[in-house]
Amino acid sequence: MNLTTERLIKLRADAQLERDTFLEHRVRMGEDPSVAYDLVPQVDELVVLTLRDEMLEERGQLAEYELARLAASSGSADADVHRANADRVEFELLREIAESVPELTVAVWRSADRLDL
């Protein structure tokens, strides 16, 4: 992955807007601002998720990945298999992001922390 400084700045600006929108929505719906602030992903975490989705799309795997995540959230007998497969794919993408964009390493590992590996 080749990410320029200008592109990272743009992604962070977009992520900040998205985060602010999430926070405003939650607070307007009556959620405690301090709770909302803790629950909404940080700016760099949103950037990492955007990069992950772009990588999946470039590789033609986005639909397959999303279907695996959907199947993982079902109550079916093979939900754990789908979850493990999706987590494995996501972890490899996250490692690639951390290697390519060292500034995002902390956010990558925060994102990886929610995976069941």
PDB file of N, CA and C in Angstrom:
ATOM      1  N   MET A   1       0.848  -1.167   0.000  1.00  0.00           N
ATOM      2  CA  MET A   1       0.000   0.000   0.000  1.00  0.00           C
ATOM      3  C   MET A   1       0.898   1.236   0.000  1.00  0.00           C
ATOM      4  N   ASN A   2       0.546   2.178  -0.840  1.00  0.00           N
ATOM      5  CA  ASN A   2       1.300   3.419  -0.936  1.00  0.00           C
ATOM      6  C   ASN A   2       0.378   4.564  -0.541  1.00  0.00           C
ATOM      7  N   LEU A   3       0.589   5.100   0.652  1.00  0.00           N
ATOM      8  CA  LEU A   3      -0.274   6.158   1.175  1.00  0.00           C
ATOM      9  C   LEU A   3       0.553   7.426   1.332  1.00  0.00           C
ATOM     10  N   THR A   4       0.183   8.459   0.587  1.00  0.00           N
ATOM     11  CA  THR A   4       0.912   9.720   0.677  1.00  0.00           C
ATOM     12  C   THR A   4       0.491  10.484   1.927  1.00  0.00           C
ATOM     13  N   THR A   5       1.326  11.418   2.322  1.00  0.00           N
ATOM     14  CA  THR A   5       1.015  12.264   3.478  1.00  0.00           C
ATOM     15  C   THR A   5      -0.266  13.050   3.231  1.00  0.00           C
ATOM     16  N   GLU A   6      -0.433  13.552   2.016  1.00  0.00           N
ATOM     17  CA  GLU A   6      -1.631  14.324   1.678  1.00  0.00           C
ATOM     18  C   GLU A   6      -2.887  13.463   1.814  1.00  0.00           C
ATOM     19  N   ARG A   7      -2.793  12.232   1.359  1.00  0.00           N
ATOM     20  CA  ARG A   7      -3.953  11.329   1.450  1.00  0.00           C
ATOM     21  C   ARG A   7      -4.272  11.001   2.901  1.00  0.00           C
ATOM     22  N   LEU A   8      -3.250  10.794   3.722  1.00  0.00           N
ATOM     23  CA  LEU A   8      -3.473  10.518   5.142  1.00  0.00           C
ATOM     24  C   LEU A   8      -4.130  11.714   5.820  1.00  0.00           C
ATOM     25  N   ILE A   9      -3.692  12.918   5.477  1.00  0.00           N
ATOM     26  CA  ILE A   9      -4.309  14.127   6.037  1.00  0.00           C
ATOM     27  C   ILE A   9      -5.777  14.194   5.642  1.00  0.00           C
ATOM     28  N   LYS A  10      -6.080  13.901   4.382  1.00  0.00           N
ATOM     29  CA  LYS A  10      -7.476  13.920   3.901  1.00  0.00           C
ATOM     30  C   LYS A  10      -8.308  12.855   4.608  1.00  0.00           C
ATOM     31  N   LEU A  11      -7.765  11.642   4.742  1.00  0.00           N
ATOM     32  CA  LEU A  11      -8.490  10.570   5.435  1.00  0.00           C
ATOM     33  C   LEU A  11      -8.763  10.943   6.889  1.00  0.00           C
ATOM     34  N   ARG A  12      -7.789  11.564   7.538  1.00  0.00           N
ATOM     35  CA  ARG A  12      -7.984  11.981   8.932  1.00  0.00           C
ATOM     36  C   ARG A  12      -9.037  13.076   9.041  1.00  0.00           C
ATOM     37  N   ALA A  13      -9.055  14.005   8.100  1.00  0.00           N
ATOM     38  CA  ALA A  13     -10.074  15.061   8.114  1.00  0.00           C
ATOM     39  C   ALA A  13     -11.465  14.459   7.929  1.00  0.00           C
ATOM     40  N   ASP A  14     -11.594  13.533   6.993  1.00  0.00           N
ATOM     41  CA  ASP A  14     -12.883  12.864   6.776  1.00  0.00           C
ATOM     42  C   ASP A  14     -13.303  12.070   8.010  1.00  0.00           C
ATOM     43  N   ALA A  15     -12.341  11.391   8.623  1.00  0.00           N
ATOM     44  CA  ALA A  15     -12.635  10.591   9.816  1.00  0.00           C
ATOM     45  C   ALA A  15     -13.037  11.483  10.988  1.00  0.00           C
ATOM     46  N   GLN A  16     -12.413  12.651  11.110  1.00  0.00           N
ATOM     47  CA  GLN A  16     -12.778  13.581  12.185  1.00  0.00           C
ATOM     48  C   GLN A  16     -14.219  14.040  12.015  1.00  0.00           C
ATOM     49  N   LEU A  17     -14.606  14.357  10.782  1.00  0.00           N
ATOM     50  CA  LEU A  17     -15.983  14.754  10.506  1.00  0.00           C
ATOM     51  C   LEU A  17     -16.950  13.622  10.844  1.00  0.00           C
ATOM     52  N   GLU A  18     -16.598  12.405  10.443  1.00  0.00           N
ATOM     53  CA  GLU A  18     -17.438  11.242  10.735  1.00  0.00           C
ATOM     54  C   GLU A  18     -17.568  11.029  12.243  1.00  0.00           C
ATOM     55  N   ARG A  19     -16.464  11.143  12.957  1.00  0.00           N
ATOM     56  CA  ARG A  19     -16.479  10.954  14.411  1.00  0.00           C
ATOM     57  C   ARG A  19     -17.332  12.032  15.084  1.00  0.00           C
ATOM     58  N   ASP A  20     -17.152  13.272  14.661  1.00  0.00           N
ATOM     59  CA  ASP A  20     -17.950  14.366  15.226  1.00  0.00           C
ATOM     60  C   ASP A  20     -19.438  14.135  14.992  1.00  0.00           C
ATOM     61  N   THR A  21     -19.772  13.626  13.809  1.00  0.00           N
ATOM     62  CA  THR A  21     -21.174  13.341  13.485  1.00  0.00           C
ATOM     63  C   THR A  21     -21.724  12.231  14.373  1.00  0.00           C
ATOM     64  N   PHE A  22     -20.950  11.160  14.559  1.00  0.00           N
ATOM     65  CA  PHE A  22     -21.364  10.073  15.462  1.00  0.00           C
ATOM     66  C   PHE A  22     -21.606  10.603  16.869  1.00  0.00           C
ATOM     67  N   LEU A  23     -20.654  11.406  17.356  1.00  0.00           N
ATOM     68  CA  LEU A  23     -20.769  11.936  18.715  1.00  0.00           C
ATOM     69  C   LEU A  23     -21.994  12.830  18.860  1.00  0.00           C
ATOM     70  N   GLU A  24     -22.195  13.726  17.899  1.00  0.00           N
ATOM     71  CA  GLU A  24     -23.351  14.618  17.965  1.00  0.00           C
ATOM     72  C   GLU A  24     -24.654  13.825  17.968  1.00  0.00           C
ATOM     73  N   HIS A  25     -24.738  12.822  17.112  1.00  0.00           N
ATOM     74  CA  HIS A  25     -25.951  12.003  17.043  1.00  0.00           C
ATOM     75  C   HIS A  25     -26.223  11.312  18.378  1.00  0.00           C
ATOM     76  N   ARG A  26     -25.215  10.694  18.947  1.00  0.00           N
ATOM     77  CA  ARG A  26     -25.394   9.971  20.214  1.00  0.00           C
ATOM     78  C   ARG A  26     -25.816  10.911  21.339  1.00  0.00           C
ATOM     79  N   VAL A  27     -25.181  12.076  21.407  1.00  0.00           N
ATOM     80  CA  VAL A  27     -25.510  13.028  22.473  1.00  0.00           C
ATOM     81  C   VAL A  27     -26.923  13.575  22.276  1.00  0.00           C
ATOM     82  N   ARG A  28     -27.302  13.866  21.045  1.00  0.00           N
ATOM     83  CA  ARG A  28     -28.664  14.354  20.782  1.00  0.00           C
ATOM     84  C   ARG A  28     -29.722  13.295  21.104  1.00  0.00           C
ATOM     85  N   MET A  29     -29.320  12.025  21.038  1.00  0.00           N
ATOM     86  CA  MET A  29     -30.254  10.946  21.381  1.00  0.00           C
ATOM     87  C   MET A  29     -30.292  10.696  22.891  1.00  0.00           C
ATOM     88  N   GLY A  30     -29.554  11.503  23.655  1.00  0.00           N
ATOM     89  CA  GLY A  30     -29.637  11.428  25.101  1.00  0.00           C
ATOM     90  C   GLY A  30     -28.515  10.678  25.791  1.00  0.00           C
ATOM     91  N   GLU A  31     -27.539  10.217  25.034  1.00  0.00           N
ATOM     92  CA  GLU A  31     -26.433   9.484  25.649  1.00  0.00           C
ATOM     93  C   GLU A  31     -25.510  10.461  26.381  1.00  0.00           C
ATOM     94  N   ASP A  32     -24.980  10.016  27.490  1.00  0.00           N
ATOM     95  CA  ASP A  32     -24.024  10.810  28.259  1.00  0.00           C
ATOM     96  C   ASP A  32     -22.807  11.093  27.369  1.00  0.00           C
ATOM     97  N   PRO A  33     -22.407  12.364  27.221  1.00  0.00           N
ATOM     98  CA  PRO A  33     -21.274  12.686  26.343  1.00  0.00           C
ATOM     99  C   PRO A  33     -19.985  11.942  26.692  1.00  0.00           C
ATOM    100  N   SER A  34     -19.723  11.738  27.967  1.00  0.00           N
ATOM    101  CA  SER A  34     -18.484  11.041  28.329  1.00  0.00           C
ATOM    102  C   SER A  34     -18.533   9.573  27.912  1.00  0.00           C
ATOM    103  N   VAL A  35     -19.706   8.976  27.965  1.00  0.00           N
ATOM    104  CA  VAL A  35     -19.868   7.589  27.521  1.00  0.00           C
ATOM    105  C   VAL A  35     -19.744   7.526  25.997  1.00  0.00           C
ATOM    106  N   ALA A  36     -20.416   8.443  25.314  1.00  0.00           N
ATOM    107  CA  ALA A  36     -20.365   8.477  23.852  1.00  0.00           C
ATOM    108  C   ALA A  36     -18.933   8.666  23.371  1.00  0.00           C
ATOM    109  N   TYR A  37     -18.202   9.542  24.030  1.00  0.00           N
ATOM    110  CA  TYR A  37     -16.818   9.815  23.636  1.00  0.00           C
ATOM    111  C   TYR A  37     -15.962   8.556  23.722  1.00  0.00           C
ATOM    112  N   ASP A  38     -16.192   7.755  24.748  1.00  0.00           N
ATOM    113  CA  ASP A  38     -15.419   6.518  24.911  1.00  0.00           C
ATOM    114  C   ASP A  38     -15.812   5.438  23.907  1.00  0.00           C
ATOM    115  N   LEU A  39     -17.071   5.427  23.484  1.00  0.00           N
ATOM    116  CA  LEU A  39     -17.563   4.357  22.613  1.00  0.00           C
ATOM    117  C   LEU A  39     -17.287   4.592  21.126  1.00  0.00           C
ATOM    118  N   VAL A  40     -17.226   5.842  20.719  1.00  0.00           N
ATOM    119  CA  VAL A  40     -17.010   6.146  19.303  1.00  0.00           C
ATOM    120  C   VAL A  40     -15.519   5.974  18.986  1.00  0.00           C
ATOM    121  N   PRO A  41     -15.203   5.260  17.901  1.00  0.00           N
ATOM    122  CA  PRO A  41     -13.789   5.034  17.551  1.00  0.00           C
ATOM    123  C   PRO A  41     -13.022   6.346  17.375  1.00  0.00           C
ATOM    124  N   GLN A  42     -11.741   6.300  17.698  1.00  0.00           N
ATOM    125  CA  GLN A  42     -10.865   7.454  17.508  1.00  0.00           C
ATOM    126  C   GLN A  42     -10.659   7.703  16.011  1.00  0.00           C
ATOM    127  N   VAL A  43     -10.177   8.893  15.682  1.00  0.00           N
ATOM    128  CA  VAL A  43      -9.990   9.292  14.285  1.00  0.00           C
ATOM    129  C   VAL A  43      -9.118   8.288  13.530  1.00  0.00           C
ATOM    130  N   ASP A  44      -7.968   7.942  14.079  1.00  0.00           N
ATOM    131  CA  ASP A  44      -7.079   7.015  13.370  1.00  0.00           C
ATOM    132  C   ASP A  44      -7.679   5.618  13.243  1.00  0.00           C
ATOM    133  N   GLU A  45      -8.514   5.222  14.191  1.00  0.00           N
ATOM    134  CA  GLU A  45      -9.190   3.924  14.066  1.00  0.00           C
ATOM    135  C   GLU A  45     -10.160   3.947  12.887  1.00  0.00           C
ATOM    136  N   LEU A  46     -10.847   5.063  12.687  1.00  0.00           N
ATOM    137  CA  LEU A  46     -11.741   5.186  11.533  1.00  0.00           C
ATOM    138  C   LEU A  46     -10.945   5.184  10.227  1.00  0.00           C
ATOM    139  N   VAL A  47      -9.773   5.795  10.239  1.00  0.00           N
ATOM    140  CA  VAL A  47      -8.901   5.773   9.059  1.00  0.00           C
ATOM    141  C   VAL A  47      -8.485   4.338   8.745  1.00  0.00           C
ATOM    142  N   VAL A  48      -8.117   3.591   9.770  1.00  0.00           N
ATOM    143  CA  VAL A  48      -7.717   2.193   9.582  1.00  0.00           C
ATOM    144  C   VAL A  48      -8.868   1.386   8.976  1.00  0.00           C
ATOM    145  N   LEU A  49     -10.079   1.589   9.465  1.00  0.00           N
ATOM    146  CA  LEU A  49     -11.234   0.863   8.922  1.00  0.00           C
ATOM    147  C   LEU A  49     -11.478   1.234   7.455  1.00  0.00           C
ATOM    148  N   THR A  50     -11.291   2.501   7.129  1.00  0.00           N
ATOM    149  CA  THR A  50     -11.442   2.933   5.735  1.00  0.00           C
ATOM    150  C   THR A  50     -10.401   2.261   4.847  1.00  0.00           C
ATOM    151  N   LEU A  51      -9.156   2.249   5.309  1.00  0.00           N
ATOM    152  CA  LEU A  51      -8.093   1.606   4.527  1.00  0.00           C
ATOM    153  C   LEU A  51      -8.341   0.112   4.376  1.00  0.00           C
ATOM    154  N   ARG A  52      -8.808  -0.524   5.448  1.00  0.00           N
ATOM    155  CA  ARG A  52      -9.125  -1.958   5.380  1.00  0.00           C
ATOM    156  C   ARG A  52     -10.179  -2.211   4.308  1.00  0.00           C
ATOM    157  N   ASP A  53     -11.243  -1.407   4.308  1.00  0.00           N
ATOM    158  CA  ASP A  53     -12.305  -1.590   3.321  1.00  0.00           C
ATOM    159  C   ASP A  53     -11.810  -1.333   1.899  1.00  0.00           C
ATOM    160  N   GLU A  54     -10.956  -0.325   1.732  1.00  0.00           N
ATOM    161  CA  GLU A  54     -10.396  -0.052   0.406  1.00  0.00           C
ATOM    162  C   GLU A  54      -9.546  -1.222  -0.083  1.00  0.00           C
ATOM    163  N   MET A  55      -8.756  -1.787   0.819  1.00  0.00           N
ATOM    164  CA  MET A  55      -7.914  -2.927   0.437  1.00  0.00           C
ATOM    165  C   MET A  55      -8.769  -4.126   0.050  1.00  0.00           C
ATOM    166  N   LEU A  56      -9.815  -4.378   0.803  1.00  0.00           N
ATOM    167  CA  LEU A  56     -10.715  -5.484   0.473  1.00  0.00           C
ATOM    168  C   LEU A  56     -11.357  -5.261  -0.890  1.00  0.00           C
ATOM    169  N   GLU A  57     -11.778  -4.022  -1.152  1.00  0.00           N
ATOM    170  CA  GLU A  57     -12.413  -3.730  -2.435  1.00  0.00           C
ATOM    171  C   GLU A  57     -11.420  -3.878  -3.588  1.00  0.00           C
ATOM    172  N   GLU A  58     -10.198  -3.376  -3.408  1.00  0.00           N
ATOM    173  CA  GLU A  58      -9.175  -3.501  -4.454  1.00  0.00           C
ATOM    174  C   GLU A  58      -8.892  -4.958  -4.786  1.00  0.00           C
ATOM    175  N   ARG A  59      -8.990  -5.829  -3.799  1.00  0.00           N
ATOM    176  CA  ARG A  59      -8.700  -7.252  -3.992  1.00  0.00           C
ATOM    177  C   ARG A  59      -9.936  -8.053  -4.389  1.00  0.00           C
ATOM    178  N   GLY A  60     -11.067  -7.369  -4.509  1.00  0.00           N
ATOM    179  CA  GLY A  60     -12.298  -8.042  -4.891  1.00  0.00           C
ATOM    180  C   GLY A  60     -12.870  -8.931  -3.797  1.00  0.00           C
ATOM    181  N   GLN A  61     -12.568  -8.606  -2.534  1.00  0.00           N
ATOM    182  CA  GLN A  61     -12.993  -9.446  -1.412  1.00  0.00           C
ATOM    183  C   GLN A  61     -13.993  -8.766  -0.478  1.00  0.00           C
ATOM    184  N   LEU A  62     -14.402  -7.544  -0.792  1.00  0.00           N
ATOM    185  CA  LEU A  62     -15.250  -6.806   0.145  1.00  0.00           C
ATOM    186  C   LEU A  62     -16.589  -7.502   0.380  1.00  0.00           C
ATOM    187  N   ALA A  63     -17.257  -7.922  -0.683  1.00  0.00           N
ATOM    188  CA  ALA A  63     -18.558  -8.581  -0.525  1.00  0.00           C
ATOM    189  C   ALA A  63     -18.415  -9.889   0.244  1.00  0.00           C
ATOM    190  N   GLU A  64     -17.405 -10.665  -0.091  1.00  0.00           N
ATOM    191  CA  GLU A  64     -17.171 -11.937   0.598  1.00  0.00           C
ATOM    192  C   GLU A  64     -16.894 -11.709   2.086  1.00  0.00           C
ATOM    193  N   TYR A  65     -16.085 -10.696   2.385  1.00  0.00           N
ATOM    194  CA  TYR A  65     -15.756 -10.372   3.773  1.00  0.00           C
ATOM    195  C   TYR A  65     -17.014  -9.959   4.545  1.00  0.00           C
ATOM    196  N   GLU A  66     -17.810  -9.081   3.939  1.00  0.00           N
ATOM    197  CA  GLU A  66     -19.032  -8.609   4.610  1.00  0.00           C
ATOM    198  C   GLU A  66     -20.024  -9.755   4.819  1.00  0.00           C
ATOM    199  N   LEU A  67     -20.124 -10.657   3.857  1.00  0.00           N
ATOM    200  CA  LEU A  67     -21.007 -11.816   4.027  1.00  0.00           C
ATOM    201  C   LEU A  67     -20.506 -12.727   5.146  1.00  0.00           C
ATOM    202  N   ALA A  68     -19.196 -12.887   5.249  1.00  0.00           N
ATOM    203  CA  ALA A  68     -18.630 -13.697   6.339  1.00  0.00           C
ATOM    204  C   ALA A  68     -18.925 -13.050   7.685  1.00  0.00           C
ATOM    205  N   ARG A  69     -18.813 -11.719   7.768  1.00  0.00           N
ATOM    206  CA  ARG A  69     -19.138 -11.010   9.017  1.00  0.00           C
ATOM    207  C   ARG A  69     -20.623 -11.174   9.356  1.00  0.00           C
ATOM    208  N   LEU A  70     -21.470 -11.093   8.339  1.00  0.00           N
ATOM    209  CA  LEU A  70     -22.902 -11.270   8.555  1.00  0.00           C
ATOM    210  C   LEU A  70     -23.202 -12.681   9.041  1.00  0.00           C
ATOM    211  N   ALA A  71     -22.605 -13.674   8.404  1.00  0.00           N
ATOM    212  CA  ALA A  71     -22.805 -15.067   8.822  1.00  0.00           C
ATOM    213  C   ALA A  71     -22.257 -15.296  10.223  1.00  0.00           C
ATOM    214  N   ALA A  72     -21.179 -14.600  10.574  1.00  0.00           N
ATOM    215  CA  ALA A  72     -20.582 -14.745  11.906  1.00  0.00           C
ATOM    216  C   ALA A  72     -21.503 -14.218  12.992  1.00  0.00           C
ATOM    217  N   SER A  73     -22.346 -13.265  12.646  1.00  0.00           N
ATOM    218  CA  SER A  73     -23.251 -12.693  13.647  1.00  0.00           C
ATOM    219  C   SER A  73     -24.561 -13.470  13.768  1.00  0.00           C
ATOM    220  N   SER A  74     -24.729 -14.475  12.936  1.00  0.00           N
ATOM    221  CA  SER A  74     -25.948 -15.285  12.998  1.00  0.00           C
ATOM    222  C   SER A  74     -25.823 -16.329  14.098  1.00  0.00           C
ATOM    223  N   GLY A  75     -26.875 -17.006  14.347  1.00  0.00           N
ATOM    224  CA  GLY A  75     -26.856 -18.059  15.360  1.00  0.00           C
ATOM    225  C   GLY A  75     -26.615 -19.434  14.772  1.00  0.00           C
ATOM    226  N   SER A  76     -26.170 -19.480  13.524  1.00  0.00           N
ATOM    227  CA  SER A  76     -25.988 -20.774  12.865  1.00  0.00           C
ATOM    228  C   SER A  76     -24.809 -21.537  13.458  1.00  0.00           C
ATOM    229  N   ALA A  77     -24.787 -22.815  13.173  1.00  0.00           N
ATOM    230  CA  ALA A  77     -23.756 -23.698  13.728  1.00  0.00           C
ATOM    231  C   ALA A  77     -22.354 -23.332  13.244  1.00  0.00           C
ATOM    232  N   ASP A  78     -22.258 -22.774  12.032  1.00  0.00           N
ATOM    233  CA  ASP A  78     -20.934 -22.447  11.499  1.00  0.00           C
ATOM    234  C   ASP A  78     -20.557 -20.972  11.674  1.00  0.00           C
ATOM    235  N   ALA A  79     -21.264 -20.258  12.541  1.00  0.00           N
ATOM    236  CA  ALA A  79     -20.965 -18.838  12.777  1.00  0.00           C
ATOM    237  C   ALA A  79     -19.539 -18.639  13.276  1.00  0.00           C
ATOM    238  N   ASP A  80     -19.076 -19.527  14.144  1.00  0.00           N
ATOM    239  CA  ASP A  80     -17.714 -19.403  14.672  1.00  0.00           C
ATOM    240  C   ASP A  80     -16.662 -19.572  13.579  1.00  0.00           C
ATOM    241  N   VAL A  81     -16.934 -20.440  12.624  1.00  0.00           N
ATOM    242  CA  VAL A  81     -16.000 -20.645  11.510  1.00  0.00           C
ATOM    243  C   VAL A  81     -15.915 -19.374  10.663  1.00  0.00           C
ATOM    244  N   HIS A  82     -17.067 -18.779  10.368  1.00  0.00           N
ATOM    245  CA  HIS A  82     -17.091 -17.540   9.582  1.00  0.00           C
ATOM    246  C   HIS A  82     -16.386 -16.412  10.328  1.00  0.00           C
ATOM    247  N   ARG A  83     -16.622 -16.321  11.628  1.00  0.00           N
ATOM    248  CA  ARG A  83     -15.979 -15.287  12.441  1.00  0.00           C
ATOM    249  C   ARG A  83     -14.456 -15.461  12.418  1.00  0.00           C
ATOM    250  N   ALA A  84     -14.002 -16.677  12.595  1.00  0.00           N
ATOM    251  CA  ALA A  84     -12.559 -16.943  12.601  1.00  0.00           C
ATOM    252  C   ALA A  84     -11.929 -16.613  11.247  1.00  0.00           C
ATOM    253  N   ASN A  85     -12.611 -16.972  10.169  1.00  0.00           N
ATOM    254  CA  ASN A  85     -12.087 -16.677   8.832  1.00  0.00           C
ATOM    255  C   ASN A  85     -12.015 -15.171   8.583  1.00  0.00           C
ATOM    256  N   ALA A  86     -13.080 -14.458   8.934  1.00  0.00           N
ATOM    257  CA  ALA A  86     -13.098 -13.007   8.740  1.00  0.00           C
ATOM    258  C   ALA A  86     -12.052 -12.329   9.621  1.00  0.00           C
ATOM    259  N   ASP A  87     -11.911 -12.790  10.862  1.00  0.00           N
ATOM    260  CA  ASP A  87     -10.902 -12.224  11.763  1.00  0.00           C
ATOM    261  C   ASP A  87      -9.494 -12.442  11.219  1.00  0.00           C
ATOM    262  N   ARG A  88      -9.244 -13.615  10.676  1.00  0.00           N
ATOM    263  CA  ARG A  88      -7.922 -13.920  10.125  1.00  0.00           C
ATOM    264  C   ARG A  88      -7.599 -12.999   8.942  1.00  0.00           C
ATOM    265  N   VAL A  89      -8.560 -12.837   8.042  1.00  0.00           N
ATOM    266  CA  VAL A  89      -8.368 -11.964   6.880  1.00  0.00           C
ATOM    267  C   VAL A  89      -8.143 -10.526   7.343  1.00  0.00           C
ATOM    268  N   GLU A  90      -8.968 -10.076   8.286  1.00  0.00           N
ATOM    269  CA  GLU A  90      -8.838  -8.702   8.769  1.00  0.00           C
ATOM    270  C   GLU A  90      -7.491  -8.479   9.458  1.00  0.00           C
ATOM    271  N   PHE A  91      -7.042  -9.445  10.244  1.00  0.00           N
ATOM    272  CA  PHE A  91      -5.767  -9.302  10.940  1.00  0.00           C
ATOM    273  C   PHE A  91      -4.616  -9.140   9.951  1.00  0.00           C
ATOM    274  N   GLU A  92      -4.637  -9.909   8.880  1.00  0.00           N
ATOM    275  CA  GLU A  92      -3.583  -9.795   7.867  1.00  0.00           C
ATOM    276  C   GLU A  92      -3.602  -8.417   7.209  1.00  0.00           C
ATOM    277  N   LEU A  93      -4.792  -7.901   6.946  1.00  0.00           N
ATOM    278  CA  LEU A  93      -4.901  -6.560   6.366  1.00  0.00           C
ATOM    279  C   LEU A  93      -4.393  -5.506   7.348  1.00  0.00           C
ATOM    280  N   LEU A  94      -4.746  -5.656   8.612  1.00  0.00           N
ATOM    281  CA  LEU A  94      -4.304  -4.703   9.628  1.00  0.00           C
ATOM    282  C   LEU A  94      -2.781  -4.707   9.758  1.00  0.00           C
ATOM    283  N   ARG A  95      -2.190  -5.880   9.711  1.00  0.00           N
ATOM    284  CA  ARG A  95      -0.720  -5.970   9.772  1.00  0.00           C
ATOM    285  C   ARG A  95      -0.089  -5.237   8.592  1.00  0.00           C
ATOM    286  N   GLU A  96      -0.698  -5.394   7.435  1.00  0.00           N
ATOM    287  CA  GLU A  96      -0.198  -4.726   6.235  1.00  0.00           C
ATOM    288  C   GLU A  96      -0.302  -3.199   6.370  1.00  0.00           C
ATOM    289  N   ILE A  97      -1.404  -2.729   6.941  1.00  0.00           N
ATOM    290  CA  ILE A  97      -1.579  -1.288   7.160  1.00  0.00           C
ATOM    291  C   ILE A  97      -0.519  -0.774   8.133  1.00  0.00           C
ATOM    292  N   ALA A  98      -0.318  -1.482   9.234  1.00  0.00           N
ATOM    293  CA  ALA A  98       0.674  -1.056  10.233  1.00  0.00           C
ATOM    294  C   ALA A  98       2.076  -1.008   9.633  1.00  0.00           C
ATOM    295  N   GLU A  99       2.374  -1.969   8.786  1.00  0.00           N
ATOM    296  CA  GLU A  99       3.694  -2.013   8.152  1.00  0.00           C
ATOM    297  C   GLU A  99       3.870  -0.869   7.162  1.00  0.00           C
ATOM    298  N   SER A 100       2.812  -0.540   6.440  1.00  0.00           N
ATOM    299  CA  SER A 100       2.889   0.490   5.403  1.00  0.00           C
ATOM    300  C   SER A 100       2.774   1.908   5.948  1.00  0.00           C
ATOM    301  N   VAL A 101       2.022   2.069   7.034  1.00  0.00           N
ATOM    302  CA  VAL A 101       1.763   3.404   7.590  1.00  0.00           C
ATOM    303  C   VAL A 101       2.054   3.373   9.090  1.00  0.00           C
ATOM    304  N   PRO A 102       3.307   3.513   9.468  1.00  0.00           N
ATOM    305  CA  PRO A 102       3.670   3.402  10.888  1.00  0.00           C
ATOM    306  C   PRO A 102       2.912   4.361  11.808  1.00  0.00           C
ATOM    307  N   GLU A 103       2.480   5.513  11.278  1.00  0.00           N
ATOM    308  CA  GLU A 103       1.729   6.473  12.094  1.00  0.00           C
ATOM    309  C   GLU A 103       0.414   5.892  12.610  1.00  0.00           C
ATOM    310  N   LEU A 104      -0.076   4.854  11.960  1.00  0.00           N
ATOM    311  CA  LEU A 104      -1.361   4.259  12.334  1.00  0.00           C
ATOM    312  C   LEU A 104      -1.211   2.987  13.168  1.00  0.00           C
ATOM    313  N   THR A 105      -0.007   2.658  13.569  1.00  0.00           N
ATOM    314  CA  THR A 105       0.241   1.392  14.261  1.00  0.00           C
ATOM    315  C   THR A 105      -0.592   1.241  15.528  1.00  0.00           C
ATOM    316  N   VAL A 106      -0.673   2.282  16.348  1.00  0.00           N
ATOM    317  CA  VAL A 106      -1.456   2.191  17.592  1.00  0.00           C
ATOM    318  C   VAL A 106      -2.926   1.929  17.269  1.00  0.00           C
ATOM    319  N   ALA A 107      -3.459   2.638  16.291  1.00  0.00           N
ATOM    320  CA  ALA A 107      -4.860   2.440  15.901  1.00  0.00           C
ATOM    321  C   ALA A 107      -5.079   1.048  15.315  1.00  0.00           C
ATOM    322  N   VAL A 108      -4.100   0.548  14.588  1.00  0.00           N
ATOM    323  CA  VAL A 108      -4.199  -0.806  14.027  1.00  0.00           C
ATOM    324  C   VAL A 108      -4.320  -1.821  15.151  1.00  0.00           C
ATOM    325  N   TRP A 109      -3.479  -1.711  16.161  1.00  0.00           N
ATOM    326  CA  TRP A 109      -3.514  -2.694  17.239  1.00  0.00           C
ATOM    327  C   TRP A 109      -4.757  -2.538  18.105  1.00  0.00           C
ATOM    328  N   ARG A 110      -5.289  -1.320  18.210  1.00  0.00           N
ATOM    329  CA  ARG A 110      -6.581  -1.158  18.895  1.00  0.00           C
ATOM    330  C   ARG A 110      -7.676  -1.890  18.119  1.00  0.00           C
ATOM    331  N   SER A 111      -7.637  -1.762  16.809  1.00  0.00           N
ATOM    332  CA  SER A 111      -8.626  -2.448  15.971  1.00  0.00           C
ATOM    333  C   SER A 111      -8.446  -3.957  16.044  1.00  0.00           C
ATOM    334  N   ALA A 112      -7.211  -4.407  16.069  1.00  0.00           N
ATOM    335  CA  ALA A 112      -6.937  -5.849  16.130  1.00  0.00           C
ATOM    336  C   ALA A 112      -7.346  -6.445  17.470  1.00  0.00           C
ATOM    337  N   ASP A 113      -7.383  -5.623  18.497  1.00  0.00           N
ATOM    338  CA  ASP A 113      -7.723  -6.107  19.835  1.00  0.00           C
ATOM    339  C   ASP A 113      -9.134  -6.690  19.904  1.00  0.00           C
ATOM    340  N   ARG A 114     -10.026  -6.222  19.057  1.00  0.00           N
ATOM    341  CA  ARG A 114     -11.406  -6.726  19.086  1.00  0.00           C
ATOM    342  C   ARG A 114     -11.573  -8.035  18.309  1.00  0.00           C
ATOM    343  N   LEU A 115     -10.529  -8.448  17.609  1.00  0.00           N
ATOM    344  CA  LEU A 115     -10.588  -9.703  16.861  1.00  0.00           C
ATOM    345  C   LEU A 115     -10.345 -10.877  17.796  1.00  0.00           C
ATOM    346  N   ASP A 116     -10.949 -12.005  17.465  1.00  0.00           N
ATOM    347  CA  ASP A 116     -10.796 -13.214  18.276  1.00  0.00           C
ATOM    348  C   ASP A 116      -9.776 -14.123  17.602  1.00  0.00           C
ATOM    349  N   LEU A 117      -8.508 -13.920  17.965  1.00  0.00           N
ATOM    350  CA  LEU A 117      -7.435 -14.695  17.331  1.00  0.00           C
ATOM    351  C   LEU A 117      -6.799 -15.641  18.306  1.00  0.00           C
TER     352      LEU A 117
END
